[in-house]
């Protein structure tokens, strides 16, 4: 069976904030690793937390969040504050905060 990701444009970014079971994670990993799509953002997974052996951990251009897309207004304010702090840090040559460290599992 051909992956639905092969029908997407190479510039496409796939996003799933709904149900983890609706995505074939192996096909997504192949699509990302082969550059079939530009990237992906996932907030949900077939198994949560995502197992350490999942191929997704090693995929390029993949943003993973810990099932938090439905957070409240306070979450959005905190996220924006972190974004603004990082924008300021980046422009002044300082270290960024809340860095994603895939090698550490988060």
PDB file of N, CA and C in Angstrom:
ATOM      1  N   UNK A   1       0.839  -1.188   0.000  1.00  0.00           N
ATOM      2  CA  UNK A   1       0.000   0.000   0.000  1.00  0.00           C
ATOM      3  C   UNK A   1       0.883   1.251   0.000  1.00  0.00           C
ATOM      4  N   UNK A   2       0.597   2.155  -0.895  1.00  0.00           N
ATOM      5  CA  UNK A   2       1.374   3.383  -0.996  1.00  0.00           C
ATOM      6  C   UNK A   2       1.013   4.332   0.148  1.00  0.00           C
ATOM      7  N   UNK A   3       2.021   4.949   0.718  1.00  0.00           N
ATOM      8  CA  UNK A   3       1.821   5.887   1.814  1.00  0.00           C
ATOM      9  C   UNK A   3       1.130   7.151   1.320  1.00  0.00           C
ATOM     10  N   UNK A   4       0.198   7.666   2.117  1.00  0.00           N
ATOM     11  CA  UNK A   4      -0.462   8.927   1.755  1.00  0.00           C
ATOM     12  C   UNK A   4       0.535  10.073   1.726  1.00  0.00           C
ATOM     13  N   UNK A   5       1.641   9.929   2.453  1.00  0.00           N
ATOM     14  CA  UNK A   5       2.650  10.990   2.465  1.00  0.00           C
ATOM     15  C   UNK A   5       3.322  11.148   1.106  1.00  0.00           C
ATOM     16  N   UNK A   6       3.347  10.083   0.303  1.00  0.00           N
ATOM     17  CA  UNK A   6       3.965  10.173  -1.022  1.00  0.00           C
ATOM     18  C   UNK A   6       3.120  11.012  -1.973  1.00  0.00           C
ATOM     19  N   UNK A   7       1.871  11.253  -1.634  1.00  0.00           N
ATOM     20  CA  UNK A   7       0.987  12.064  -2.469  1.00  0.00           C
ATOM     21  C   UNK A   7       1.039  13.548  -2.096  1.00  0.00           C
ATOM     22  N   UNK A   8       1.757  13.866  -1.026  1.00  0.00           N
ATOM     23  CA  UNK A   8       1.862  15.253  -0.580  1.00  0.00           C
ATOM     24  C   UNK A   8       2.988  15.969  -1.323  1.00  0.00           C
ATOM     25  N   UNK A   9       2.903  17.286  -1.378  1.00  0.00           N
ATOM     26  CA  UNK A   9       3.961  18.087  -1.992  1.00  0.00           C
ATOM     27  C   UNK A   9       5.211  18.020  -1.118  1.00  0.00           C
ATOM     28  N   UNK A  10       6.390  18.115  -1.712  1.00  0.00           N
ATOM     29  CA  UNK A  10       7.626  18.114  -0.918  1.00  0.00           C
ATOM     30  C   UNK A  10       7.703  19.285   0.061  1.00  0.00           C
ATOM     31  N   UNK A  11       6.935  20.330  -0.186  1.00  0.00           N
ATOM     32  CA  UNK A  11       6.927  21.496   0.708  1.00  0.00           C
ATOM     33  C   UNK A  11       5.898  21.368   1.830  1.00  0.00           C
ATOM     34  N   UNK A  12       5.141  20.271   1.843  1.00  0.00           N
ATOM     35  CA  UNK A  12       4.067  20.096   2.827  1.00  0.00           C
ATOM     36  C   UNK A  12       4.609  19.837   4.228  1.00  0.00           C
ATOM     37  N   UNK A  13       3.866  20.337   5.206  1.00  0.00           N
ATOM     38  CA  UNK A  13       4.141  20.045   6.613  1.00  0.00           C
ATOM     39  C   UNK A  13       2.895  19.374   7.166  1.00  0.00           C
ATOM     40  N   UNK A  14       3.043  18.157   7.649  1.00  0.00           N
ATOM     41  CA  UNK A  14       1.934  17.380   8.202  1.00  0.00           C
ATOM     42  C   UNK A  14       1.772  17.709   9.681  1.00  0.00           C
ATOM     43  N   UNK A  15       0.519  17.861  10.124  1.00  0.00           N
ATOM     44  CA  UNK A  15       0.259  18.168  11.528  1.00  0.00           C
ATOM     45  C   UNK A  15      -0.847  17.260  12.048  1.00  0.00           C
ATOM     46  N   UNK A  16      -0.637  16.723  13.253  1.00  0.00           N
ATOM     47  CA  UNK A  16      -1.681  15.929  13.894  1.00  0.00           C
ATOM     48  C   UNK A  16      -1.804  16.343  15.349  1.00  0.00           C
ATOM     49  N   UNK A  17      -2.959  16.915  15.693  1.00  0.00           N
ATOM     50  CA  UNK A  17      -3.278  17.243  17.080  1.00  0.00           C
ATOM     51  C   UNK A  17      -4.551  16.516  17.505  1.00  0.00           C
ATOM     52  N   UNK A  18      -4.982  15.552  16.684  1.00  0.00           N
ATOM     53  CA  UNK A  18      -6.245  14.864  16.926  1.00  0.00           C
ATOM     54  C   UNK A  18      -6.100  13.528  17.617  1.00  0.00           C
ATOM     55  N   UNK A  19      -5.880  12.487  16.840  1.00  0.00           N
ATOM     56  CA  UNK A  19      -5.771  11.130  17.360  1.00  0.00           C
ATOM     57  C   UNK A  19      -4.510  10.490  16.805  1.00  0.00           C
ATOM     58  N   UNK A  20      -3.685   9.962  17.692  1.00  0.00           N
ATOM     59  CA  UNK A  20      -2.439   9.343  17.275  1.00  0.00           C
ATOM     60  C   UNK A  20      -2.624   8.112  16.416  1.00  0.00           C
ATOM     61  N   UNK A  21      -3.733   7.420  16.610  1.00  0.00           N
ATOM     62  CA  UNK A  21      -3.961   6.177  15.871  1.00  0.00           C
ATOM     63  C   UNK A  21      -4.341   6.411  14.414  1.00  0.00           C
ATOM     64  N   UNK A  22      -4.570   7.652  14.013  1.00  0.00           N
ATOM     65  CA  UNK A  22      -4.936   7.922  12.620  1.00  0.00           C
ATOM     66  C   UNK A  22      -3.721   8.037  11.703  1.00  0.00           C
ATOM     67  N   UNK A  23      -2.527   7.980  12.270  1.00  0.00           N
ATOM     68  CA  UNK A  23      -1.300   8.155  11.490  1.00  0.00           C
ATOM     69  C   UNK A  23      -0.459   6.890  11.536  1.00  0.00           C
ATOM     70  N   UNK A  24       0.026   6.474  10.386  1.00  0.00           N
ATOM     71  CA  UNK A  24       0.985   5.379  10.345  1.00  0.00           C
ATOM     72  C   UNK A  24       2.355   5.999  10.627  1.00  0.00           C
ATOM     73  N   UNK A  25       2.808   5.869  11.858  1.00  0.00           N
ATOM     74  CA  UNK A  25       4.050   6.524  12.282  1.00  0.00           C
ATOM     75  C   UNK A  25       5.265   6.027  11.509  1.00  0.00           C
ATOM     76  N   UNK A  26       5.265   4.765  11.119  1.00  0.00           N
ATOM     77  CA  UNK A  26       6.382   4.238  10.325  1.00  0.00           C
ATOM     78  C   UNK A  26       6.438   4.907   8.956  1.00  0.00           C
ATOM     79  N   UNK A  27       5.278   5.072   8.314  1.00  0.00           N
ATOM     80  CA  UNK A  27       5.235   5.747   7.009  1.00  0.00           C
ATOM     81  C   UNK A  27       5.653   7.209   7.144  1.00  0.00           C
ATOM     82  N   UNK A  28       5.235   7.848   8.233  1.00  0.00           N
ATOM     83  CA  UNK A  28       5.629   9.240   8.457  1.00  0.00           C
ATOM     84  C   UNK A  28       7.142   9.340   8.631  1.00  0.00           C
ATOM     85  N   UNK A  29       7.717   8.430   9.388  1.00  0.00           N
ATOM     86  CA  UNK A  29       9.169   8.438   9.597  1.00  0.00           C
ATOM     87  C   UNK A  29       9.908   8.285   8.268  1.00  0.00           C
ATOM     88  N   UNK A  30       9.445   7.397   7.420  1.00  0.00           N
ATOM     89  CA  UNK A  30      10.071   7.205   6.105  1.00  0.00           C
ATOM     90  C   UNK A  30       9.953   8.484   5.279  1.00  0.00           C
ATOM     91  N   UNK A  31       8.767   9.083   5.274  1.00  0.00           N
ATOM     92  CA  UNK A  31       8.550  10.304   4.493  1.00  0.00           C
ATOM     93  C   UNK A  31       9.470  11.428   4.954  1.00  0.00           C
ATOM     94  N   UNK A  32       9.649  11.562   6.255  1.00  0.00           N
ATOM     95  CA  UNK A  32      10.534  12.602   6.782  1.00  0.00           C
ATOM     96  C   UNK A  32      11.996  12.291   6.481  1.00  0.00           C
ATOM     97  N   UNK A  33      12.393  11.052   6.706  1.00  0.00           N
ATOM     98  CA  UNK A  33      13.791  10.669   6.487  1.00  0.00           C
ATOM     99  C   UNK A  33      14.202  10.744   5.020  1.00  0.00           C
ATOM    100  N   UNK A  34      13.258  10.500   4.122  1.00  0.00           N
ATOM    101  CA  UNK A  34      13.557  10.549   2.690  1.00  0.00           C
ATOM    102  C   UNK A  34      13.279  11.918   2.078  1.00  0.00           C
ATOM    103  N   UNK A  35      12.819  12.868   2.885  1.00  0.00           N
ATOM    104  CA  UNK A  35      12.536  14.208   2.377  1.00  0.00           C
ATOM    105  C   UNK A  35      11.314  14.290   1.484  1.00  0.00           C
ATOM    106  N   UNK A  36      10.394  13.333   1.621  1.00  0.00           N
ATOM    107  CA  UNK A  36       9.172  13.341   0.806  1.00  0.00           C
ATOM    108  C   UNK A  36       8.266  14.506   1.188  1.00  0.00           C
ATOM    109  N   UNK A  37       8.312  14.916   2.461  1.00  0.00           N
ATOM    110  CA  UNK A  37       7.595  16.094   2.935  1.00  0.00           C
ATOM    111  C   UNK A  37       8.594  16.965   3.696  1.00  0.00           C
ATOM    112  N   UNK A  38       8.257  18.237   3.841  1.00  0.00           N
ATOM    113  CA  UNK A  38       9.191  19.182   4.459  1.00  0.00           C
ATOM    114  C   UNK A  38       9.304  19.012   5.964  1.00  0.00           C
ATOM    115  N   UNK A  39       8.233  18.560   6.597  1.00  0.00           N
ATOM    116  CA  UNK A  39       8.281  18.421   8.047  1.00  0.00           C
ATOM    117  C   UNK A  39       6.963  17.943   8.602  1.00  0.00           C
ATOM    118  N   UNK A  40       6.927  17.828   9.929  1.00  0.00           N
ATOM    119  CA  UNK A  40       5.708  17.397  10.607  1.00  0.00           C
ATOM    120  C   UNK A  40       5.689  17.942  12.030  1.00  0.00           C
ATOM    121  N   UNK A  41       4.477  18.109  12.549  1.00  0.00           N
ATOM    122  CA  UNK A  41       4.253  18.520  13.937  1.00  0.00           C
ATOM    123  C   UNK A  41       3.263  17.528  14.534  1.00  0.00           C
ATOM    124  N   UNK A  42       3.650  16.895  15.620  1.00  0.00           N
ATOM    125  CA  UNK A  42       2.785  15.902  16.255  1.00  0.00           C
ATOM    126  C   UNK A  42       2.570  16.238  17.723  1.00  0.00           C
ATOM    127  N   UNK A  43       1.321  16.219  18.144  1.00  0.00           N
ATOM    128  CA  UNK A  43       0.982  16.417  19.548  1.00  0.00           C
ATOM    129  C   UNK A  43       0.414  15.130  20.140  1.00  0.00           C
ATOM    130  N   UNK A  44       0.079  14.176  19.291  1.00  0.00           N
ATOM    131  CA  UNK A  44      -0.492  12.902  19.724  1.00  0.00           C
ATOM    132  C   UNK A  44       0.244  11.769  19.023  1.00  0.00           C
ATOM    133  N   UNK A  45       0.244  10.613  19.672  1.00  0.00           N
ATOM    134  CA  UNK A  45       0.962   9.453  19.154  1.00  0.00           C
ATOM    135  C   UNK A  45       0.128   8.204  19.380  1.00  0.00           C
ATOM    136  N   UNK A  46       0.443   7.154  18.629  1.00  0.00           N
ATOM    137  CA  UNK A  46      -0.281   5.892  18.785  1.00  0.00           C
ATOM    138  C   UNK A  46      -0.143   5.386  20.213  1.00  0.00           C
ATOM    139  N   UNK A  47       1.066   5.458  20.758  1.00  0.00           N
ATOM    140  CA  UNK A  47       1.342   5.079  22.151  1.00  0.00           C
ATOM    141  C   UNK A  47       1.941   6.301  22.832  1.00  0.00           C
ATOM    142  N   UNK A  48       1.389   6.656  23.981  1.00  0.00           N
ATOM    143  CA  UNK A  48       1.907   7.800  24.749  1.00  0.00           C
ATOM    144  C   UNK A  48       2.269   7.347  26.150  1.00  0.00           C
ATOM    145  N   UNK A  49       3.431   7.756  26.627  1.00  0.00           N
ATOM    146  CA  UNK A  49       4.411   8.564  25.910  1.00  0.00           C
ATOM    147  C   UNK A  49       5.046   7.771  24.770  1.00  0.00           C
ATOM    148  N   UNK A  50       5.600   8.493  23.825  1.00  0.00           N
ATOM    149  CA  UNK A  50       6.216   7.862  22.664  1.00  0.00           C
ATOM    150  C   UNK A  50       7.362   6.965  23.118  1.00  0.00           C
ATOM    151  N   UNK A  51       7.326   5.683  22.738  1.00  0.00           N
ATOM    152  CA  UNK A  51       8.391   4.762  23.169  1.00  0.00           C
ATOM    153  C   UNK A  51       9.774   5.210  22.696  1.00  0.00           C
ATOM    154  N   UNK A  52      10.784   4.926  23.500  1.00  0.00           N
ATOM    155  CA  UNK A  52      12.160   5.311  23.174  1.00  0.00           C
ATOM    156  C   UNK A  52      12.631   4.705  21.862  1.00  0.00           C
ATOM    157  N   UNK A  53      12.102   3.543  21.500  1.00  0.00           N
ATOM    158  CA  UNK A  53      12.545   2.873  20.281  1.00  0.00           C
ATOM    159  C   UNK A  53      11.822   3.368  19.024  1.00  0.00           C
ATOM    160  N   UNK A  54      10.904   4.311  19.156  1.00  0.00           N
ATOM    161  CA  UNK A  54      10.181   4.831  17.997  1.00  0.00           C
ATOM    162  C   UNK A  54      11.144   5.496  17.017  1.00  0.00           C
ATOM    163  N   UNK A  55      10.939   5.213  15.734  1.00  0.00           N
ATOM    164  CA  UNK A  55      11.757   5.822  14.679  1.00  0.00           C
ATOM    165  C   UNK A  55      11.548   7.331  14.605  1.00  0.00           C
ATOM    166  N   UNK A  56      10.453   7.821  15.154  1.00  0.00           N
ATOM    167  CA  UNK A  56      10.176   9.259  15.097  1.00  0.00           C
ATOM    168  C   UNK A  56      11.228  10.085  15.826  1.00  0.00           C
ATOM    169  N   UNK A  57      11.835   9.538  16.878  1.00  0.00           N
ATOM    170  CA  UNK A  57      12.834  10.284  17.647  1.00  0.00           C
ATOM    171  C   UNK A  57      14.010  10.732  16.800  1.00  0.00           C
ATOM    172  N   UNK A  58      14.302  10.002  15.731  1.00  0.00           N
ATOM    173  CA  UNK A  58      15.479  10.305  14.911  1.00  0.00           C
ATOM    174  C   UNK A  58      15.135  11.050  13.621  1.00  0.00           C
ATOM    175  N   UNK A  59      13.880  11.408  13.443  1.00  0.00           N
ATOM    176  CA  UNK A  59      13.466  12.063  12.201  1.00  0.00           C
ATOM    177  C   UNK A  59      13.862  13.531  12.173  1.00  0.00           C
ATOM    178  N   UNK A  60      14.309  13.985  11.000  1.00  0.00           N
ATOM    179  CA  UNK A  60      14.588  15.412  10.852  1.00  0.00           C
ATOM    180  C   UNK A  60      13.281  16.180  10.661  1.00  0.00           C
ATOM    181  N   UNK A  61      13.306  17.446  10.974  1.00  0.00           N
ATOM    182  CA  UNK A  61      12.176  18.342  10.713  1.00  0.00           C
ATOM    183  C   UNK A  61      10.869  17.877  11.344  1.00  0.00           C
ATOM    184  N   UNK A  62      10.973  17.344  12.548  1.00  0.00           N
ATOM    185  CA  UNK A  62       9.790  16.886  13.270  1.00  0.00           C
ATOM    186  C   UNK A  62       9.725  17.598  14.611  1.00  0.00           C
ATOM    187  N   UNK A  63       8.619  18.293  14.839  1.00  0.00           N
ATOM    188  CA  UNK A  63       8.361  18.940  16.119  1.00  0.00           C
ATOM    189  C   UNK A  63       7.354  18.083  16.867  1.00  0.00           C
ATOM    190  N   UNK A  64       7.718  17.652  18.067  1.00  0.00           N
ATOM    191  CA  UNK A  64       6.823  16.832  18.879  1.00  0.00           C
ATOM    192  C   UNK A  64       6.503  17.577  20.167  1.00  0.00           C
ATOM    193  N   UNK A  65       5.229  17.581  20.528  1.00  0.00           N
ATOM    194  CA  UNK A  65       4.801  18.186  21.782  1.00  0.00           C
ATOM    195  C   UNK A  65       4.110  17.117  22.624  1.00  0.00           C
ATOM    196  N   UNK A  66       4.083  17.286  23.945  1.00  0.00           N
ATOM    197  CA  UNK A  66       3.576  16.244  24.847  1.00  0.00           C
ATOM    198  C   UNK A  66       2.067  16.288  25.070  1.00  0.00           C
ATOM    199  N   UNK A  67       1.297  16.155  23.991  1.00  0.00           N
ATOM    200  CA  UNK A  67      -0.160  16.121  24.065  1.00  0.00           C
ATOM    201  C   UNK A  67      -0.695  17.325  24.847  1.00  0.00           C
ATOM    202  N   UNK A  68      -0.282  18.504  24.405  1.00  0.00           N
ATOM    203  CA  UNK A  68      -0.667  19.732  25.111  1.00  0.00           C
ATOM    204  C   UNK A  68      -1.371  20.741  24.208  1.00  0.00           C
ATOM    205  N   UNK A  69      -1.787  20.343  23.011  1.00  0.00           N
ATOM    206  CA  UNK A  69      -2.390  21.289  22.074  1.00  0.00           C
ATOM    207  C   UNK A  69      -3.706  21.862  22.578  1.00  0.00           C
ATOM    208  N   UNK A  70      -4.326  21.193  23.519  1.00  0.00           N
ATOM    209  CA  UNK A  70      -5.620  21.661  24.018  1.00  0.00           C
ATOM    210  C   UNK A  70      -5.503  22.456  25.315  1.00  0.00           C
ATOM    211  N   UNK A  71      -4.318  22.933  25.624  1.00  0.00           N
ATOM    212  CA  UNK A  71      -4.113  23.632  26.891  1.00  0.00           C
ATOM    213  C   UNK A  71      -4.905  24.930  26.952  1.00  0.00           C
ATOM    214  N   UNK A  72      -5.045  25.436  28.153  1.00  0.00           N
ATOM    215  CA  UNK A  72      -5.854  26.626  28.399  1.00  0.00           C
ATOM    216  C   UNK A  72      -5.129  27.920  28.029  1.00  0.00           C
ATOM    217  N   UNK A  73      -5.795  29.038  28.242  1.00  0.00           N
ATOM    218  CA  UNK A  73      -5.250  30.348  27.895  1.00  0.00           C
ATOM    219  C   UNK A  73      -3.938  30.617  28.626  1.00  0.00           C
ATOM    220  N   UNK A  74      -3.830  30.187  29.879  1.00  0.00           N
ATOM    221  CA  UNK A  74      -2.586  30.397  30.622  1.00  0.00           C
ATOM    222  C   UNK A  74      -1.408  29.730  29.927  1.00  0.00           C
ATOM    223  N   UNK A  75      -1.643  28.561  29.366  1.00  0.00           N
ATOM    224  CA  UNK A  75      -0.586  27.864  28.638  1.00  0.00           C
ATOM    225  C   UNK A  75      -0.113  28.707  27.458  1.00  0.00           C
ATOM    226  N   UNK A  76      -1.066  29.289  26.734  1.00  0.00           N
ATOM    227  CA  UNK A  76      -0.700  30.116  25.586  1.00  0.00           C
ATOM    228  C   UNK A  76       0.112  31.331  26.019  1.00  0.00           C
ATOM    229  N   UNK A  77      -0.265  31.936  27.131  1.00  0.00           N
ATOM    230  CA  UNK A  77       0.493  33.083  27.638  1.00  0.00           C
ATOM    231  C   UNK A  77       1.918  32.670  28.019  1.00  0.00           C
ATOM    232  N   UNK A  78       2.050  31.532  28.698  1.00  0.00           N
ATOM    233  CA  UNK A  78       3.381  31.054  29.086  1.00  0.00           C
ATOM    234  C   UNK A  78       4.217  30.724  27.852  1.00  0.00           C
ATOM    235  N   UNK A  79       3.594  30.075  26.880  1.00  0.00           N
ATOM    236  CA  UNK A  79       4.310  29.722  25.649  1.00  0.00           C
ATOM    237  C   UNK A  79       4.770  30.969  24.910  1.00  0.00           C
ATOM    238  N   UNK A  80       3.920  31.968  24.851  1.00  0.00           N
ATOM    239  CA  UNK A  80       4.291  33.209  24.172  1.00  0.00           C
ATOM    240  C   UNK A  80       5.423  33.914  24.913  1.00  0.00           C
ATOM    241  N   UNK A  81       5.380  33.880  26.240  1.00  0.00           N
ATOM    242  CA  UNK A  81       6.451  34.505  27.033  1.00  0.00           C
ATOM    243  C   UNK A  81       7.792  33.827  26.748  1.00  0.00           C
ATOM    244  N   UNK A  82       7.788  32.494  26.643  1.00  0.00           N
ATOM    245  CA  UNK A  82       9.015  31.759  26.320  1.00  0.00           C
ATOM    246  C   UNK A  82       9.487  32.126  24.913  1.00  0.00           C
ATOM    247  N   UNK A  83       8.549  32.209  23.982  1.00  0.00           N
ATOM    248  CA  UNK A  83       8.896  32.592  22.615  1.00  0.00           C
ATOM    249  C   UNK A  83       9.547  33.971  22.586  1.00  0.00           C
ATOM    250  N   UNK A  84       8.949  34.925  23.284  1.00  0.00           N
ATOM    251  CA  UNK A  84       9.491  36.286  23.301  1.00  0.00           C
ATOM    252  C   UNK A  84      10.871  36.321  23.959  1.00  0.00           C
ATOM    253  N   UNK A  85      11.040  35.544  25.039  1.00  0.00           N
ATOM    254  CA  UNK A  85      12.346  35.484  25.696  1.00  0.00           C
ATOM    255  C   UNK A  85      13.393  34.923  24.740  1.00  0.00           C
ATOM    256  N   UNK A  86      13.019  33.869  24.010  1.00  0.00           N
ATOM    257  CA  UNK A  86      13.958  33.280  23.055  1.00  0.00           C
ATOM    258  C   UNK A  86      14.268  34.226  21.899  1.00  0.00           C
ATOM    259  N   UNK A  87      13.293  34.988  21.454  1.00  0.00           N
ATOM    260  CA  UNK A  87      13.545  35.966  20.392  1.00  0.00           C
ATOM    261  C   UNK A  87      14.551  37.009  20.871  1.00  0.00           C
ATOM    262  N   UNK A  88      14.376  37.459  22.104  1.00  0.00           N
ATOM    263  CA  UNK A  88      15.310  38.436  22.678  1.00  0.00           C
ATOM    264  C   UNK A  88      16.700  37.822  22.859  1.00  0.00           C
ATOM    265  N   UNK A  89      16.741  36.590  23.387  1.00  0.00           N
ATOM    266  CA  UNK A  89      18.022  35.914  23.586  1.00  0.00           C
ATOM    267  C   UNK A  89      18.747  35.699  22.259  1.00  0.00           C
ATOM    268  N   UNK A  90      18.009  35.287  21.249  1.00  0.00           N
ATOM    269  CA  UNK A  90      18.607  35.042  19.938  1.00  0.00           C
ATOM    270  C   UNK A  90      19.215  36.322  19.370  1.00  0.00           C
ATOM    271  N   UNK A  91      18.485  37.411  19.484  1.00  0.00           N
ATOM    272  CA  UNK A  91      18.980  38.669  18.914  1.00  0.00           C
ATOM    273  C   UNK A  91      20.170  39.240  19.680  1.00  0.00           C
ATOM    274  N   UNK A  92      20.320  38.822  20.948  1.00  0.00           N
ATOM    275  CA  UNK A  92      21.445  39.342  21.743  1.00  0.00           C
ATOM    276  C   UNK A  92      22.562  38.317  21.938  1.00  0.00           C
ATOM    277  N   UNK A  93      22.454  37.171  21.246  1.00  0.00           N
ATOM    278  CA  UNK A  93      23.513  36.169  21.303  1.00  0.00           C
ATOM    279  C   UNK A  93      23.531  35.327  22.564  1.00  0.00           C
ATOM    280  N   UNK A  94      22.438  35.333  23.317  1.00  0.00           N
ATOM    281  CA  UNK A  94      22.363  34.538  24.547  1.00  0.00           C
ATOM    282  C   UNK A  94      21.787  33.155  24.242  1.00  0.00           C
ATOM    283  N   UNK A  95      21.959  32.228  25.192  1.00  0.00           N
ATOM    284  CA  UNK A  95      21.409  30.883  25.044  1.00  0.00           C
ATOM    285  C   UNK A  95      19.885  30.924  25.066  1.00  0.00           C
ATOM    286  N   UNK A  96      19.270  30.040  24.268  1.00  0.00           N
ATOM    287  CA  UNK A  96      17.817  29.917  24.261  1.00  0.00           C
ATOM    288  C   UNK A  96      17.357  29.095  25.459  1.00  0.00           C
ATOM    289  N   UNK A  97      16.094  29.258  25.836  1.00  0.00           N
ATOM    290  CA  UNK A  97      15.514  28.500  26.948  1.00  0.00           C
ATOM    291  C   UNK A  97      14.531  27.466  26.402  1.00  0.00           C
ATOM    292  N   UNK A  98      14.276  26.432  27.188  1.00  0.00           N
ATOM    293  CA  UNK A  98      13.330  25.359  26.827  1.00  0.00           C
ATOM    294  C   UNK A  98      13.687  24.689  25.500  1.00  0.00           C
ATOM    295  N   UNK A  99      14.950  24.360  25.337  1.00  0.00           N
ATOM    296  CA  UNK A  99      15.436  23.720  24.118  1.00  0.00           C
ATOM    297  C   UNK A  99      14.943  22.276  24.063  1.00  0.00           C
ATOM    298  N   UNK A 100      14.510  21.843  22.885  1.00  0.00           N
ATOM    299  CA  UNK A 100      14.116  20.454  22.680  1.00  0.00           C
ATOM    300  C   UNK A 100      15.385  19.629  22.533  1.00  0.00           C
ATOM    301  N   UNK A 101      15.535  18.621  23.358  1.00  0.00           N
ATOM    302  CA  UNK A 101      16.705  17.739  23.322  1.00  0.00           C
ATOM    303  C   UNK A 101      16.234  16.315  23.032  1.00  0.00           C
ATOM    304  N   UNK A 102      16.097  15.974  21.755  1.00  0.00           N
ATOM    305  CA  UNK A 102      15.608  14.645  21.391  1.00  0.00           C
ATOM    306  C   UNK A 102      16.464  13.540  21.989  1.00  0.00           C
ATOM    307  N   UNK A 103      17.775  13.771  22.088  1.00  0.00           N
ATOM    308  CA  UNK A 103      18.658  12.727  22.628  1.00  0.00           C
ATOM    309  C   UNK A 103      18.335  12.430  24.091  1.00  0.00           C
ATOM    310  N   UNK A 104      17.718  13.381  24.778  1.00  0.00           N
ATOM    311  CA  UNK A 104      17.331  13.178  26.179  1.00  0.00           C
ATOM    312  C   UNK A 104      15.907  12.652  26.318  1.00  0.00           C
ATOM    313  N   UNK A 105      15.199  12.515  25.211  1.00  0.00           N
ATOM    314  CA  UNK A 105      13.850  11.981  25.253  1.00  0.00           C
ATOM    315  C   UNK A 105      12.772  13.015  25.498  1.00  0.00           C
ATOM    316  N   UNK A 106      13.101  14.282  25.297  1.00  0.00           N
ATOM    317  CA  UNK A 106      12.076  15.331  25.439  1.00  0.00           C
ATOM    318  C   UNK A 106      12.387  16.496  24.526  1.00  0.00           C
TER     319      UNK A 106
END
